[in-house]
Amino acid sequence: MKKTFLIIMLFLSFSLLANPLKDQLSKTSFKSDEKELRQSNGFFGIGTGYPGFLDISLGYRNQNNKNGFNTSLDVGCGFFIFDCIYVKGNFDYLRFSNPNICKQTYLGIGITTMYFRAPIASYHHHDDDWFNFDLRFDATTLAPQFMIGRQFLTKSNHPRFLQFEIDLPTLAIDICSNNVRGAFIPIPQVILIYGFMF
């Protein structure tokens, strides 16, 4: 009887001690996972904004807990005139507020450069077509870039992100004319991108 009572008491003691230990191990494991959240992915994105009505992005993203970086190359075209095209390169530092593999929000700051080509309407009163797009405007731009985004997993555990970018102020350099000159453009470049990570 005494042996049975002793076995029961030992079992209850270990059970009581095991629960706090289990909780502590669980918390430690979660903190460890949070500290060791490292991932690197390529991504493909499609977006819309200004000046590009259609923007296609291909890039690479790396995350080490709360810090990361993002680099990408975008190709886009305008809405009314599809001859209006641009190629854009981005490099950004990312800061993840609460690293989580399932869903996390991030802020980014970086630099972007873009080559932009667009036709310019010229007026010809002696032609049947009064407005001819026979002139070209070629420019290279340089601007700081700011972004906010949300990265998440779908129900099928595929990583995705939704990201808003704004570039301002923009320094544009006219490379078409004989006299290369620069000017600041007060209108921001904005784009909203939905991305597929792989």
C-alpha atoms as a PDB file:
ATOM      1  CA  MET A   1       0.000   0.000   0.000  1.00  0.00           C
ATOM      2  CA  LYS A   2       2.823   2.362   0.882  1.00  0.00           C
ATOM      3  CA  LYS A   3       4.574   1.553  -2.424  1.00  0.00           C
ATOM      4  CA  THR A   4       1.408   2.267  -4.381  1.00  0.00           C
ATOM      5  CA  PHE A   5       0.926   5.567  -2.533  1.00  0.00           C
ATOM      6  CA  LEU A   6       4.561   6.509  -3.161  1.00  0.00           C
ATOM      7  CA  ILE A   7       4.275   5.724  -6.884  1.00  0.00           C
ATOM      8  CA  ILE A   8       1.099   7.838  -7.156  1.00  0.00           C
ATOM      9  CA  MET A   9       2.762  10.755  -5.307  1.00  0.00           C
ATOM     10  CA  LEU A  10       5.841  10.573  -7.530  1.00  0.00           C
ATOM     11  CA  PHE A  11       3.666  10.466 -10.660  1.00  0.00           C
ATOM     12  CA  LEU A  12       1.680  13.529  -9.532  1.00  0.00           C
ATOM     13  CA  SER A  13       4.880  15.403  -8.632  1.00  0.00           C
ATOM     14  CA  PHE A  14       6.452  14.733 -12.034  1.00  0.00           C
ATOM     15  CA  SER A  15       3.202  15.715 -13.744  1.00  0.00           C
ATOM     16  CA  LEU A  16       3.076  19.034 -11.910  1.00  0.00           C
ATOM     17  CA  LEU A  17       6.714  19.724 -12.688  1.00  0.00           C
ATOM     18  CA  ALA A  18       6.370  18.647 -16.309  1.00  0.00           C
ATOM     19  CA  ASN A  19       3.665  21.166 -17.235  1.00  0.00           C
ATOM     20  CA  PRO A  20       5.671  24.323 -16.411  1.00  0.00           C
ATOM     21  CA  LEU A  21       8.724  22.737 -18.015  1.00  0.00           C
ATOM     22  CA  LYS A  22       6.718  21.941 -21.126  1.00  0.00           C
ATOM     23  CA  ASP A  23       5.387  25.510 -21.284  1.00  0.00           C
ATOM     24  CA  GLN A  24       8.897  26.908 -20.852  1.00  0.00           C
ATOM     25  CA  LEU A  25      10.272  24.684 -23.615  1.00  0.00           C
ATOM     26  CA  SER A  26       7.408  25.732 -25.876  1.00  0.00           C
ATOM     27  CA  LYS A  27       8.147  29.432 -25.313  1.00  0.00           C
ATOM     28  CA  THR A  28      11.855  28.917 -25.841  1.00  0.00           C
ATOM     29  CA  SER A  29      11.196  27.045 -29.064  1.00  0.00           C
ATOM     30  CA  PHE A  30       8.959  29.862 -30.314  1.00  0.00           C
ATOM     31  CA  LYS A  31      11.558  32.488 -29.488  1.00  0.00           C
ATOM     32  CA  SER A  32      14.229  30.412 -31.163  1.00  0.00           C
ATOM     33  CA  ASP A  33      12.133  30.057 -34.298  1.00  0.00           C
ATOM     34  CA  GLU A  34      11.502  33.789 -34.294  1.00  0.00           C
ATOM     35  CA  LYS A  35      15.206  34.580 -33.989  1.00  0.00           C
ATOM     36  CA  GLU A  36      16.132  32.085 -36.647  1.00  0.00           C
ATOM     37  CA  LEU A  37      13.520  33.112 -39.217  1.00  0.00           C
ATOM     38  CA  ARG A  38      15.669  33.120 -42.309  1.00  0.00           C
ATOM     39  CA  GLN A  39      14.359  32.798 -45.818  1.00  0.00           C
ATOM     40  CA  SER A  40      15.353  33.750 -49.325  1.00  0.00           C
ATOM     41  CA  ASN A  41      13.028  33.656 -52.298  1.00  0.00           C
ATOM     42  CA  GLY A  42      12.823  34.678 -55.878  1.00  0.00           C
ATOM     43  CA  PHE A  43       9.572  36.321 -56.852  1.00  0.00           C
ATOM     44  CA  PHE A  44       7.408  37.312 -59.785  1.00  0.00           C
ATOM     45  CA  GLY A  45       5.022  40.238 -59.437  1.00  0.00           C
ATOM     46  CA  ILE A  46       2.370  41.982 -61.468  1.00  0.00           C
ATOM     47  CA  GLY A  47       1.103  45.445 -60.660  1.00  0.00           C
ATOM     48  CA  THR A  48      -0.402  48.718 -61.714  1.00  0.00           C
ATOM     49  CA  GLY A  49       0.185  52.382 -60.947  1.00  0.00           C
ATOM     50  CA  TYR A  50       1.749  55.487 -62.486  1.00  0.00           C
ATOM     51  CA  PRO A  51       3.451  55.886 -64.932  1.00  0.00           C
ATOM     52  CA  GLY A  52       3.078  52.187 -65.657  1.00  0.00           C
ATOM     53  CA  PHE A  53      -0.449  50.940 -66.105  1.00  0.00           C
ATOM     54  CA  LEU A  54       0.980  47.439 -66.381  1.00  0.00           C
ATOM     55  CA  ASP A  55       4.111  46.540 -64.428  1.00  0.00           C
ATOM     56  CA  ILE A  56       5.859  43.156 -64.410  1.00  0.00           C
ATOM     57  CA  SER A  57       8.501  42.562 -61.767  1.00  0.00           C
ATOM     58  CA  LEU A  58      11.108  39.838 -61.307  1.00  0.00           C
ATOM     59  CA  GLY A  59      13.332  39.852 -58.239  1.00  0.00           C
ATOM     60  CA  TYR A  60      14.930  38.295 -55.194  1.00  0.00           C
ATOM     61  CA  ARG A  61      14.190  38.784 -51.484  1.00  0.00           C
ATOM     62  CA  ASN A  62      16.203  37.765 -48.429  1.00  0.00           C
ATOM     63  CA  GLN A  63      15.101  37.890 -44.795  1.00  0.00           C
ATOM     64  CA  ASN A  64      17.089  37.355 -41.606  1.00  0.00           C
ATOM     65  CA  ASN A  65      14.618  37.800 -38.757  1.00  0.00           C
ATOM     66  CA  LYS A  66      13.704  41.532 -38.732  1.00  0.00           C
ATOM     67  CA  ASN A  67      16.146  42.598 -41.435  1.00  0.00           C
ATOM     68  CA  GLY A  68      16.129  41.898 -45.142  1.00  0.00           C
ATOM     69  CA  PHE A  69      16.713  43.248 -48.599  1.00  0.00           C
ATOM     70  CA  ASN A  70      14.852  43.246 -51.852  1.00  0.00           C
ATOM     71  CA  THR A  71      16.205  43.670 -55.368  1.00  0.00           C
ATOM     72  CA  SER A  72      14.101  43.596 -58.530  1.00  0.00           C
ATOM     73  CA  LEU A  73      13.847  44.540 -62.173  1.00  0.00           C
ATOM     74  CA  ASP A  74      10.546  45.923 -63.496  1.00  0.00           C
ATOM     75  CA  VAL A  75       9.281  46.350 -67.044  1.00  0.00           C
ATOM     76  CA  GLY A  76       6.173  48.424 -67.659  1.00  0.00           C
ATOM     77  CA  CYS A  77       4.064  50.263 -70.199  1.00  0.00           C
ATOM     78  CA  GLY A  78       1.551  53.099 -70.156  1.00  0.00           C
ATOM     79  CA  PHE A  79      -2.228  52.962 -70.382  1.00  0.00           C
ATOM     80  CA  PHE A  80      -3.191  54.875 -73.525  1.00  0.00           C
ATOM     81  CA  ILE A  81       0.032  54.596 -75.511  1.00  0.00           C
ATOM     82  CA  PHE A  82       1.654  51.194 -75.300  1.00  0.00           C
ATOM     83  CA  ASP A  83       4.725  52.578 -77.019  1.00  0.00           C
ATOM     84  CA  CYS A  84       5.396  54.319 -73.684  1.00  0.00           C
ATOM     85  CA  ILE A  85       7.678  51.857 -71.905  1.00  0.00           C
ATOM     86  CA  TYR A  86      10.136  51.773 -69.023  1.00  0.00           C
ATOM     87  CA  VAL A  87      12.681  49.495 -67.421  1.00  0.00           C
ATOM     88  CA  LYS A  88      13.267  49.985 -63.712  1.00  0.00           C
ATOM     89  CA  GLY A  89      15.800  48.613 -61.231  1.00  0.00           C
ATOM     90  CA  ASN A  90      15.173  48.643 -57.450  1.00  0.00           C
ATOM     91  CA  PHE A  91      17.279  47.905 -54.387  1.00  0.00           C
ATOM     92  CA  ASP A  92      15.695  48.212 -50.930  1.00  0.00           C
ATOM     93  CA  TYR A  93      16.408  47.516 -47.269  1.00  0.00           C
ATOM     94  CA  LEU A  94      13.436  45.824 -45.560  1.00  0.00           C
ATOM     95  CA  ARG A  95      12.422  45.928 -41.907  1.00  0.00           C
ATOM     96  CA  PHE A  96       9.957  43.275 -40.706  1.00  0.00           C
ATOM     97  CA  SER A  97       7.990  44.476 -37.673  1.00  0.00           C
ATOM     98  CA  ASN A  98       6.998  41.047 -36.337  1.00  0.00           C
ATOM     99  CA  PRO A  99       8.737  38.186 -38.157  1.00  0.00           C
ATOM    100  CA  ASN A 100       6.318  35.344 -38.772  1.00  0.00           C
ATOM    101  CA  ILE A 101       6.391  32.708 -41.489  1.00  0.00           C
ATOM    102  CA  CYS A 102       2.584  32.822 -41.850  1.00  0.00           C
ATOM    103  CA  LYS A 103       2.060  36.580 -42.113  1.00  0.00           C
ATOM    104  CA  GLN A 104       4.219  39.628 -41.556  1.00  0.00           C
ATOM    105  CA  THR A 105       4.271  43.335 -42.386  1.00  0.00           C
ATOM    106  CA  TYR A 106       7.375  45.128 -43.591  1.00  0.00           C
ATOM    107  CA  LEU A 107       8.631  48.616 -44.440  1.00  0.00           C
ATOM    108  CA  GLY A 108      11.288  49.322 -47.014  1.00  0.00           C
ATOM    109  CA  ILE A 109      13.567  52.142 -48.085  1.00  0.00           C
ATOM    110  CA  GLY A 110      15.974  52.134 -50.984  1.00  0.00           C
ATOM    111  CA  ILE A 111      16.887  53.542 -54.344  1.00  0.00           C
ATOM    112  CA  THR A 112      15.475  53.070 -57.819  1.00  0.00           C
ATOM    113  CA  THR A 113      16.630  53.983 -61.290  1.00  0.00           C
ATOM    114  CA  MET A 114      14.546  53.879 -64.449  1.00  0.00           C
ATOM    115  CA  TYR A 115      14.936  54.268 -68.181  1.00  0.00           C
ATOM    116  CA  PHE A 116      11.780  55.839 -69.604  1.00  0.00           C
ATOM    117  CA  ARG A 117      10.815  56.257 -73.261  1.00  0.00           C
ATOM    118  CA  ALA A 118       7.653  57.936 -74.456  1.00  0.00           C
ATOM    119  CA  PRO A 119       6.335  59.508 -77.646  1.00  0.00           C
ATOM    120  CA  ILE A 120       5.531  63.222 -77.654  1.00  0.00           C
ATOM    121  CA  ALA A 121       2.569  64.590 -79.569  1.00  0.00           C
ATOM    122  CA  SER A 122       3.452  67.250 -82.146  1.00  0.00           C
ATOM    123  CA  TYR A 123       0.918  69.444 -83.917  1.00  0.00           C
ATOM    124  CA  HIS A 124       0.843  69.574 -87.726  1.00  0.00           C
ATOM    125  CA  HIS A 125      -1.947  71.761 -89.086  1.00  0.00           C
ATOM    126  CA  HIS A 126      -1.196  70.851 -92.693  1.00  0.00           C
ATOM    127  CA  ASP A 127      -1.634  67.105 -92.182  1.00  0.00           C
ATOM    128  CA  ASP A 128      -4.809  65.132 -92.009  1.00  0.00           C
ATOM    129  CA  ASP A 129      -3.662  63.815 -88.663  1.00  0.00           C
ATOM    130  CA  TRP A 130      -3.181  66.924 -86.628  1.00  0.00           C
ATOM    131  CA  PHE A 131      -1.390  65.169 -83.810  1.00  0.00           C
ATOM    132  CA  ASN A 132       1.525  62.942 -84.707  1.00  0.00           C
ATOM    133  CA  PHE A 133       3.604  61.047 -82.204  1.00  0.00           C
ATOM    134  CA  ASP A 134       6.765  61.491 -84.224  1.00  0.00           C
ATOM    135  CA  LEU A 135       9.013  62.755 -81.443  1.00  0.00           C
ATOM    136  CA  ARG A 136      10.541  60.733 -78.632  1.00  0.00           C
ATOM    137  CA  PHE A 137      11.351  61.581 -75.053  1.00  0.00           C
ATOM    138  CA  ASP A 138      14.092  59.421 -73.568  1.00  0.00           C
ATOM    139  CA  ALA A 139      15.073  59.902 -69.942  1.00  0.00           C
ATOM    140  CA  THR A 140      16.848  58.192 -67.098  1.00  0.00           C
ATOM    141  CA  THR A 141      15.537  58.761 -63.591  1.00  0.00           C
ATOM    142  CA  LEU A 142      16.977  58.318 -60.114  1.00  0.00           C
ATOM    143  CA  ALA A 143      14.874  58.444 -56.946  1.00  0.00           C
ATOM    144  CA  PRO A 144      14.617  57.236 -53.351  1.00  0.00           C
ATOM    145  CA  GLN A 145      12.018  54.507 -52.926  1.00  0.00           C
ATOM    146  CA  PHE A 146       9.682  53.864 -49.997  1.00  0.00           C
ATOM    147  CA  MET A 147       7.496  50.800 -49.627  1.00  0.00           C
ATOM    148  CA  ILE A 148       5.080  49.059 -47.299  1.00  0.00           C
ATOM    149  CA  GLY A 149       4.013  45.476 -47.782  1.00  0.00           C
ATOM    150  CA  ARG A 150       2.336  42.411 -46.357  1.00  0.00           C
ATOM    151  CA  GLN A 151       3.795  38.936 -46.841  1.00  0.00           C
ATOM    152  CA  PHE A 152       1.604  35.910 -46.134  1.00  0.00           C
ATOM    153  CA  LEU A 153       0.916  32.243 -46.836  1.00  0.00           C
ATOM    154  CA  THR A 154      -2.143  31.126 -48.786  1.00  0.00           C
ATOM    155  CA  LYS A 155      -4.362  28.265 -47.619  1.00  0.00           C
ATOM    156  CA  SER A 156      -2.236  25.958 -49.738  1.00  0.00           C
ATOM    157  CA  ASN A 157       0.940  27.294 -48.016  1.00  0.00           C
ATOM    158  CA  HIS A 158       2.231  29.254 -50.999  1.00  0.00           C
ATOM    159  CA  PRO A 159       4.050  32.511 -50.099  1.00  0.00           C
ATOM    160  CA  ARG A 160       2.596  35.709 -51.546  1.00  0.00           C
ATOM    161  CA  PHE A 161       2.933  39.438 -50.906  1.00  0.00           C
ATOM    162  CA  LEU A 162       1.082  42.677 -51.558  1.00  0.00           C
ATOM    163  CA  GLN A 163       3.330  45.720 -51.791  1.00  0.00           C
ATOM    164  CA  PHE A 164       2.879  49.460 -52.340  1.00  0.00           C
ATOM    165  CA  GLU A 165       5.834  51.499 -53.636  1.00  0.00           C
ATOM    166  CA  ILE A 166       6.302  55.237 -54.000  1.00  0.00           C
ATOM    167  CA  ASP A 167       9.302  56.992 -55.572  1.00  0.00           C
ATOM    168  CA  LEU A 168       9.766  60.686 -54.734  1.00  0.00           C
ATOM    169  CA  PRO A 169      11.450  63.053 -55.484  1.00  0.00           C
ATOM    170  CA  THR A 170      12.627  61.980 -58.913  1.00  0.00           C
ATOM    171  CA  LEU A 171      15.633  63.352 -60.726  1.00  0.00           C
ATOM    172  CA  ALA A 172      15.103  62.965 -64.491  1.00  0.00           C
ATOM    173  CA  ILE A 173      17.963  63.322 -66.939  1.00  0.00           C
ATOM    174  CA  ASP A 174      17.042  63.996 -70.551  1.00  0.00           C
ATOM    175  CA  ILE A 175      19.357  61.867 -72.698  1.00  0.00           C
ATOM    176  CA  CYS A 176      17.616  62.541 -75.999  1.00  0.00           C
ATOM    177  CA  SER A 177      18.631  66.157 -76.560  1.00  0.00           C
ATOM    178  CA  ASN A 178      22.114  67.314 -77.418  1.00  0.00           C
ATOM    179  CA  ASN A 179      22.396  69.164 -74.124  1.00  0.00           C
ATOM    180  CA  VAL A 180      22.013  66.630 -71.343  1.00  0.00           C
ATOM    181  CA  ARG A 181      20.124  68.287 -68.511  1.00  0.00           C
ATOM    182  CA  GLY A 182      18.423  67.174 -65.313  1.00  0.00           C
ATOM    183  CA  ALA A 183      15.216  68.266 -63.603  1.00  0.00           C
ATOM    184  CA  PHE A 184      13.278  67.226 -60.519  1.00  0.00           C
ATOM    185  CA  ILE A 185       9.825  65.786 -61.197  1.00  0.00           C
ATOM    186  CA  PRO A 186       7.348  66.618 -58.399  1.00  0.00           C
ATOM    187  CA  ILE A 187       4.887  63.882 -59.425  1.00  0.00           C
ATOM    188  CA  PRO A 188       5.590  60.616 -57.552  1.00  0.00           C
ATOM    189  CA  GLN A 189       5.914  57.246 -59.231  1.00  0.00           C
ATOM    190  CA  VAL A 190       3.543  54.823 -57.505  1.00  0.00           C
ATOM    191  CA  ILE A 191       2.825  51.148 -57.989  1.00  0.00           C
ATOM    192  CA  LEU A 192       0.842  48.400 -56.264  1.00  0.00           C
ATOM    193  CA  ILE A 193       2.277  44.910 -56.805  1.00  0.00           C
ATOM    194  CA  TYR A 194       0.912  41.438 -56.042  1.00  0.00           C
ATOM    195  CA  GLY A 195       3.789  38.972 -55.862  1.00  0.00           C
ATOM    196  CA  PHE A 196       4.273  35.217 -56.144  1.00  0.00           C
ATOM    197  CA  MET A 197       7.318  33.902 -54.258  1.00  0.00           C
ATOM    198  CA  PHE A 198       9.166  30.745 -55.244  1.00  0.00           C
END
